[in-house]
Amino acid sequence: TFQIVAVALGGSLGALARYGLQMAFINASWPLGTTIANLSGCFLAGFILPSIQSLTLGWRFFLLTGFLGAFTTLSAFAIDVTTMLRQEKYLVAFSYWFGGAIVSLVCCFLGLVLSHLLRAKLG
């Protein structure tokens, strides 16, 4: 069906965008590619949320399930934290885990607020 194609296309683009981020920050001492993907993805999710009912089902599947589902991934986040713990970098692992969770929620909320402000301004 069309929804399956929408998820596949969105997922392909989300995965390629994530790959680009991972490669751009491959030598960073912090998992920066994962961090940027998760935070910007949460922001985008919050931004899209107010208009979700006005989107067709195909666009919902393309954007949320496909693109954002492939772009942001908690599994990469969990692997990063687990790797830090195995390396006995406990303070860094806890900071990354706790900070990532809190800041992701803040980014989602900011995306939601900005979306409402733009909608109010544009009418």
N, C-alpha and C. Protein backbone atom coordinates (compact mmCIF):
# COMPACT_ATOMS: atom_id res chain seq x y z
N THR A 1 0.84 -1.20 0.00
CA THR A 1 0.00 0.00 0.00
C THR A 1 0.88 1.25 0.00
N PHE A 2 0.21 2.39 -0.17
CA PHE A 2 0.91 3.66 -0.22
C PHE A 2 1.62 3.97 1.10
N GLN A 3 1.01 3.60 2.24
CA GLN A 3 1.64 3.87 3.53
C GLN A 3 2.98 3.15 3.68
N ILE A 4 3.05 1.94 3.16
CA ILE A 4 4.30 1.18 3.23
C ILE A 4 5.38 1.88 2.41
N VAL A 5 5.02 2.36 1.24
CA VAL A 5 5.97 3.09 0.40
C VAL A 5 6.40 4.38 1.10
N ALA A 6 5.45 5.07 1.73
CA ALA A 6 5.76 6.31 2.44
C ALA A 6 6.76 6.05 3.57
N VAL A 7 6.54 4.99 4.34
CA VAL A 7 7.47 4.64 5.43
C VAL A 7 8.84 4.30 4.86
N ALA A 8 8.87 3.53 3.79
CA ALA A 8 10.15 3.12 3.18
C ALA A 8 10.92 4.32 2.66
N LEU A 9 10.24 5.22 1.97
CA LEU A 9 10.92 6.41 1.43
C LEU A 9 11.40 7.32 2.56
N GLY A 10 10.52 7.58 3.51
CA GLY A 10 10.90 8.43 4.64
C GLY A 10 12.04 7.81 5.44
N GLY A 11 11.95 6.50 5.67
CA GLY A 11 13.00 5.80 6.40
C GLY A 11 14.33 5.84 5.68
N SER A 12 14.29 5.70 4.37
CA SER A 12 15.54 5.77 3.59
C SER A 12 16.19 7.13 3.73
N LEU A 13 15.38 8.18 3.61
CA LEU A 13 15.93 9.53 3.74
C LEU A 13 16.41 9.82 5.16
N GLY A 14 15.66 9.35 6.15
CA GLY A 14 16.07 9.54 7.54
C GLY A 14 17.37 8.81 7.85
N ALA A 15 17.50 7.59 7.34
CA ALA A 15 18.72 6.82 7.56
C ALA A 15 19.91 7.48 6.87
N LEU A 16 19.71 8.00 5.67
CA LEU A 16 20.81 8.68 4.97
C LEU A 16 21.21 9.96 5.70
N ALA A 17 20.22 10.69 6.22
CA ALA A 17 20.52 11.91 6.98
C ALA A 17 21.31 11.57 8.24
N ARG A 18 20.90 10.51 8.92
CA ARG A 18 21.62 10.09 10.12
C ARG A 18 23.04 9.64 9.77
N TYR A 19 23.19 8.90 8.70
CA TYR A 19 24.51 8.46 8.25
C TYR A 19 25.41 9.67 8.00
N GLY A 20 24.84 10.68 7.34
CA GLY A 20 25.62 11.90 7.09
C GLY A 20 26.11 12.54 8.37
N LEU A 21 25.26 12.61 9.37
CA LEU A 21 25.66 13.17 10.67
C LEU A 21 26.73 12.31 11.33
N GLN A 22 26.53 10.99 11.31
CA GLN A 22 27.51 10.10 11.92
C GLN A 22 28.89 10.26 11.26
N MET A 23 28.90 10.37 9.94
CA MET A 23 30.17 10.52 9.23
C MET A 23 30.80 11.89 9.47
N ALA A 24 29.97 12.91 9.58
CA ALA A 24 30.48 14.27 9.80
C ALA A 24 31.19 14.38 11.15
N PHE A 25 30.77 13.58 12.11
CA PHE A 25 31.33 13.68 13.46
C PHE A 25 31.96 12.37 13.91
N ILE A 26 32.49 11.62 12.97
CA ILE A 26 33.02 10.29 13.24
C ILE A 26 34.19 10.31 14.23
N ASN A 27 34.96 11.39 14.24
CA ASN A 27 36.13 11.47 15.11
C ASN A 27 35.91 12.27 16.38
N ALA A 28 34.67 12.65 16.65
CA ALA A 28 34.37 13.42 17.85
C ALA A 28 34.54 12.55 19.09
N SER A 29 34.97 13.16 20.20
CA SER A 29 35.15 12.41 21.43
C SER A 29 33.83 12.11 22.12
N TRP A 30 32.80 12.82 21.74
CA TRP A 30 31.44 12.65 22.26
C TRP A 30 30.60 12.12 21.10
N PRO A 31 29.59 11.30 21.32
CA PRO A 31 28.75 10.80 20.22
C PRO A 31 27.88 11.93 19.64
N LEU A 32 28.53 12.86 19.00
CA LEU A 32 27.88 14.09 18.52
C LEU A 32 26.84 13.82 17.43
N GLY A 33 27.11 12.90 16.53
CA GLY A 33 26.14 12.59 15.47
C GLY A 33 24.83 12.09 16.05
N THR A 34 24.90 11.18 17.03
CA THR A 34 23.70 10.67 17.70
C THR A 34 22.99 11.79 18.44
N THR A 35 23.76 12.62 19.13
CA THR A 35 23.18 13.72 19.90
C THR A 35 22.42 14.68 19.00
N ILE A 36 23.04 15.10 17.91
CA ILE A 36 22.40 16.04 16.98
C ILE A 36 21.16 15.41 16.36
N ALA A 37 21.25 14.16 15.96
CA ALA A 37 20.09 13.48 15.36
C ALA A 37 18.93 13.40 16.35
N ASN A 38 19.21 13.00 17.58
CA ASN A 38 18.14 12.86 18.56
C ASN A 38 17.52 14.20 18.93
N LEU A 39 18.34 15.22 19.14
CA LEU A 39 17.81 16.52 19.54
C LEU A 39 17.05 17.20 18.41
N SER A 40 17.63 17.20 17.23
CA SER A 40 16.92 17.84 16.11
C SER A 40 15.67 17.04 15.73
N GLY A 41 15.74 15.72 15.85
CA GLY A 41 14.56 14.91 15.58
C GLY A 41 13.44 15.16 16.57
N CYS A 42 13.79 15.34 17.84
CA CYS A 42 12.77 15.67 18.85
C CYS A 42 12.18 17.05 18.56
N PHE A 43 13.02 17.99 18.17
CA PHE A 43 12.53 19.31 17.81
C PHE A 43 11.54 19.22 16.64
N LEU A 44 11.93 18.48 15.60
CA LEU A 44 11.05 18.32 14.44
C LEU A 44 9.74 17.62 14.80
N ALA A 45 9.81 16.62 15.68
CA ALA A 45 8.60 15.94 16.11
C ALA A 45 7.66 16.92 16.81
N GLY A 46 8.22 17.75 17.68
CA GLY A 46 7.41 18.76 18.35
C GLY A 46 6.85 19.79 17.39
N PHE A 47 7.62 20.12 16.39
CA PHE A 47 7.18 21.10 15.39
C PHE A 47 6.04 20.55 14.54
N ILE A 48 6.12 19.27 14.20
CA ILE A 48 5.11 18.63 13.34
C ILE A 48 3.83 18.32 14.12
N LEU A 49 3.97 18.06 15.41
CA LEU A 49 2.85 17.59 16.22
C LEU A 49 1.56 18.42 16.11
N PRO A 50 1.61 19.75 16.14
CA PRO A 50 0.36 20.51 16.07
C PRO A 50 -0.40 20.34 14.75
N SER A 51 0.31 20.01 13.69
CA SER A 51 -0.36 19.89 12.39
C SER A 51 -0.64 18.44 12.01
N ILE A 52 -0.45 17.53 12.93
CA ILE A 52 -0.56 16.11 12.60
C ILE A 52 -1.94 15.75 12.04
N GLN A 53 -2.98 16.36 12.57
CA GLN A 53 -4.33 16.03 12.10
C GLN A 53 -4.59 16.55 10.69
N SER A 54 -3.86 17.61 10.29
CA SER A 54 -4.08 18.16 8.96
C SER A 54 -3.27 17.43 7.89
N LEU A 55 -2.35 16.57 8.31
CA LEU A 55 -1.54 15.82 7.35
C LEU A 55 -2.29 14.57 6.90
N THR A 56 -2.09 14.20 5.66
CA THR A 56 -2.65 12.94 5.19
C THR A 56 -1.95 11.79 5.90
N LEU A 57 -2.57 10.64 5.90
CA LEU A 57 -1.98 9.48 6.53
C LEU A 57 -0.62 9.14 5.91
N GLY A 58 -0.52 9.31 4.60
CA GLY A 58 0.75 9.06 3.92
C GLY A 58 1.86 9.96 4.42
N TRP A 59 1.57 11.25 4.60
CA TRP A 59 2.58 12.19 5.12
C TRP A 59 2.95 11.88 6.56
N ARG A 60 1.97 11.48 7.36
CA ARG A 60 2.27 11.10 8.75
C ARG A 60 3.25 9.93 8.79
N PHE A 61 2.95 8.91 7.97
CA PHE A 61 3.85 7.75 7.94
C PHE A 61 5.22 8.13 7.38
N PHE A 62 5.24 8.96 6.34
CA PHE A 62 6.51 9.39 5.75
C PHE A 62 7.36 10.15 6.76
N LEU A 63 6.78 11.16 7.40
CA LEU A 63 7.54 12.03 8.30
C LEU A 63 7.86 11.40 9.64
N LEU A 64 6.85 10.87 10.32
CA LEU A 64 7.05 10.40 11.69
C LEU A 64 7.59 8.98 11.75
N THR A 65 6.89 8.04 11.17
CA THR A 65 7.33 6.66 11.24
C THR A 65 8.58 6.44 10.40
N GLY A 66 8.59 6.98 9.19
CA GLY A 66 9.71 6.77 8.27
C GLY A 66 10.92 7.63 8.59
N PHE A 67 10.82 8.92 8.27
CA PHE A 67 11.99 9.80 8.39
C PHE A 67 12.49 9.90 9.83
N LEU A 68 11.63 10.35 10.74
CA LEU A 68 12.08 10.54 12.12
C LEU A 68 12.38 9.22 12.80
N GLY A 69 11.65 8.17 12.43
CA GLY A 69 11.92 6.86 13.01
C GLY A 69 13.31 6.34 12.67
N ALA A 70 13.76 6.60 11.46
CA ALA A 70 15.10 6.17 11.05
C ALA A 70 16.17 7.17 11.47
N PHE A 71 15.82 8.44 11.50
CA PHE A 71 16.78 9.49 11.82
C PHE A 71 17.15 9.49 13.29
N THR A 72 16.16 9.42 14.15
CA THR A 72 16.43 9.38 15.59
C THR A 72 16.24 7.95 16.04
N THR A 73 17.15 7.48 16.82
CA THR A 73 17.03 6.10 17.26
C THR A 73 17.57 5.96 18.67
N LEU A 74 16.70 5.50 19.53
CA LEU A 74 17.11 5.29 20.91
C LEU A 74 18.11 4.15 21.03
N SER A 75 18.10 3.26 20.06
CA SER A 75 19.05 2.15 20.13
C SER A 75 20.49 2.65 20.02
N ALA A 76 20.74 3.60 19.16
CA ALA A 76 22.09 4.16 19.06
C ALA A 76 22.48 4.86 20.36
N PHE A 77 21.53 5.57 20.94
CA PHE A 77 21.74 6.25 22.22
C PHE A 77 22.09 5.21 23.29
N ALA A 78 21.34 4.12 23.36
CA ALA A 78 21.58 3.08 24.35
C ALA A 78 22.94 2.41 24.13
N ILE A 79 23.30 2.21 22.88
CA ILE A 79 24.61 1.60 22.58
C ILE A 79 25.73 2.53 23.03
N ASP A 80 25.57 3.83 22.78
CA ASP A 80 26.59 4.80 23.20
C ASP A 80 26.78 4.77 24.72
N VAL A 81 25.67 4.78 25.47
CA VAL A 81 25.74 4.76 26.94
C VAL A 81 26.36 3.45 27.43
N THR A 82 25.92 2.34 26.85
CA THR A 82 26.45 1.04 27.26
C THR A 82 27.95 0.96 27.00
N THR A 83 28.39 1.48 25.87
CA THR A 83 29.82 1.48 25.53
C THR A 83 30.60 2.30 26.56
N MET A 84 30.08 3.46 26.92
CA MET A 84 30.75 4.29 27.93
C MET A 84 30.82 3.56 29.27
N LEU A 85 29.75 2.88 29.66
CA LEU A 85 29.75 2.14 30.92
C LEU A 85 30.76 1.00 30.89
N ARG A 86 30.83 0.31 29.77
CA ARG A 86 31.80 -0.79 29.64
C ARG A 86 33.23 -0.28 29.69
N GLN A 87 33.42 0.97 29.26
CA GLN A 87 34.74 1.60 29.32
C GLN A 87 34.99 2.26 30.67
N GLU A 88 34.04 2.06 31.59
CA GLU A 88 34.11 2.60 32.95
C GLU A 88 34.14 4.13 32.97
N LYS A 89 33.50 4.74 32.00
CA LYS A 89 33.35 6.20 31.95
C LYS A 89 31.99 6.55 32.54
N TYR A 90 31.85 6.30 33.84
CA TYR A 90 30.54 6.37 34.49
C TYR A 90 29.95 7.78 34.51
N LEU A 91 30.76 8.76 34.83
CA LEU A 91 30.25 10.13 34.89
C LEU A 91 29.83 10.61 33.49
N VAL A 92 30.61 10.31 32.49
CA VAL A 92 30.28 10.70 31.12
C VAL A 92 29.00 9.96 30.67
N ALA A 93 28.91 8.68 30.97
CA ALA A 93 27.73 7.89 30.59
C ALA A 93 26.47 8.44 31.24
N PHE A 94 26.55 8.72 32.54
CA PHE A 94 25.38 9.25 33.24
C PHE A 94 25.02 10.63 32.71
N SER A 95 25.99 11.49 32.48
CA SER A 95 25.74 12.83 31.96
C SER A 95 25.08 12.77 30.59
N TYR A 96 25.59 11.90 29.74
CA TYR A 96 25.05 11.74 28.39
C TYR A 96 23.63 11.19 28.44
N TRP A 97 23.40 10.17 29.27
CA TRP A 97 22.08 9.56 29.39
C TRP A 97 21.06 10.56 29.95
N PHE A 98 21.38 11.14 31.09
CA PHE A 98 20.44 12.06 31.74
C PHE A 98 20.26 13.33 30.93
N GLY A 99 21.37 13.91 30.48
CA GLY A 99 21.30 15.14 29.68
C GLY A 99 20.56 14.93 28.38
N GLY A 100 20.80 13.81 27.72
CA GLY A 100 20.13 13.52 26.46
C GLY A 100 18.62 13.40 26.62
N ALA A 101 18.20 12.76 27.69
CA ALA A 101 16.76 12.61 27.94
C ALA A 101 16.10 13.95 28.22
N ILE A 102 16.70 14.74 29.08
CA ILE A 102 16.11 16.04 29.45
C ILE A 102 16.12 16.99 28.26
N VAL A 103 17.25 17.12 27.60
CA VAL A 103 17.37 18.07 26.50
C VAL A 103 16.48 17.65 25.32
N SER A 104 16.29 16.36 25.10
CA SER A 104 15.38 15.90 24.04
C SER A 104 13.96 16.37 24.31
N LEU A 105 13.52 16.27 25.55
CA LEU A 105 12.19 16.75 25.91
C LEU A 105 12.07 18.26 25.72
N VAL A 106 13.11 18.99 26.11
CA VAL A 106 13.12 20.45 25.94
C VAL A 106 13.05 20.80 24.45
N CYS A 107 13.81 20.10 23.62
CA CYS A 107 13.80 20.37 22.17
C CYS A 107 12.42 20.10 21.58
N CYS A 108 11.80 19.03 22.00
CA CYS A 108 10.45 18.71 21.50
C CYS A 108 9.48 19.82 21.89
N PHE A 109 9.56 20.28 23.13
CA PHE A 109 8.68 21.34 23.60
C PHE A 109 8.95 22.64 22.83
N LEU A 110 10.22 22.97 22.59
CA LEU A 110 10.55 24.18 21.83
C LEU A 110 10.02 24.10 20.40
N GLY A 111 10.11 22.94 19.78
CA GLY A 111 9.54 22.77 18.44
C GLY A 111 8.04 22.98 18.45
N LEU A 112 7.38 22.48 19.47
CA LEU A 112 5.94 22.66 19.62
C LEU A 112 5.59 24.14 19.77
N VAL A 113 6.32 24.85 20.63
CA VAL A 113 6.07 26.28 20.85
C VAL A 113 6.30 27.07 19.57
N LEU A 114 7.41 26.82 18.88
CA LEU A 114 7.71 27.54 17.65
C LEU A 114 6.64 27.28 16.59
N SER A 115 6.19 26.06 16.50
CA SER A 115 5.14 25.73 15.54
C SER A 115 3.87 26.51 15.84
N HIS A 116 3.48 26.58 17.10
CA HIS A 116 2.29 27.35 17.48
C HIS A 116 2.47 28.83 17.18
N LEU A 117 3.66 29.36 17.48
CA LEU A 117 3.92 30.78 17.22
C LEU A 117 3.84 31.10 15.72
N LEU A 118 4.43 30.25 14.90
CA LEU A 118 4.40 30.47 13.46
C LEU A 118 2.98 30.36 12.91
N ARG A 119 2.24 29.41 13.41
CA ARG A 119 0.85 29.25 12.95
C ARG A 119 0.01 30.46 13.34
N ALA A 120 0.25 30.98 14.52
CA ALA A 120 -0.50 32.17 14.97
C ALA A 120 -0.12 33.38 14.13
N LYS A 121 1.15 33.50 13.79
CA LYS A 121 1.63 34.64 13.01
C LYS A 121 1.17 34.56 11.56
N LEU A 122 1.21 33.36 10.99
CA LEU A 122 0.84 33.18 9.58
C LEU A 122 -0.66 33.03 9.38
N GLY A 123 -1.36 32.82 10.47
CA GLY A 123 -2.81 32.76 10.41
C GLY A 123 -3.29 31.47 9.91
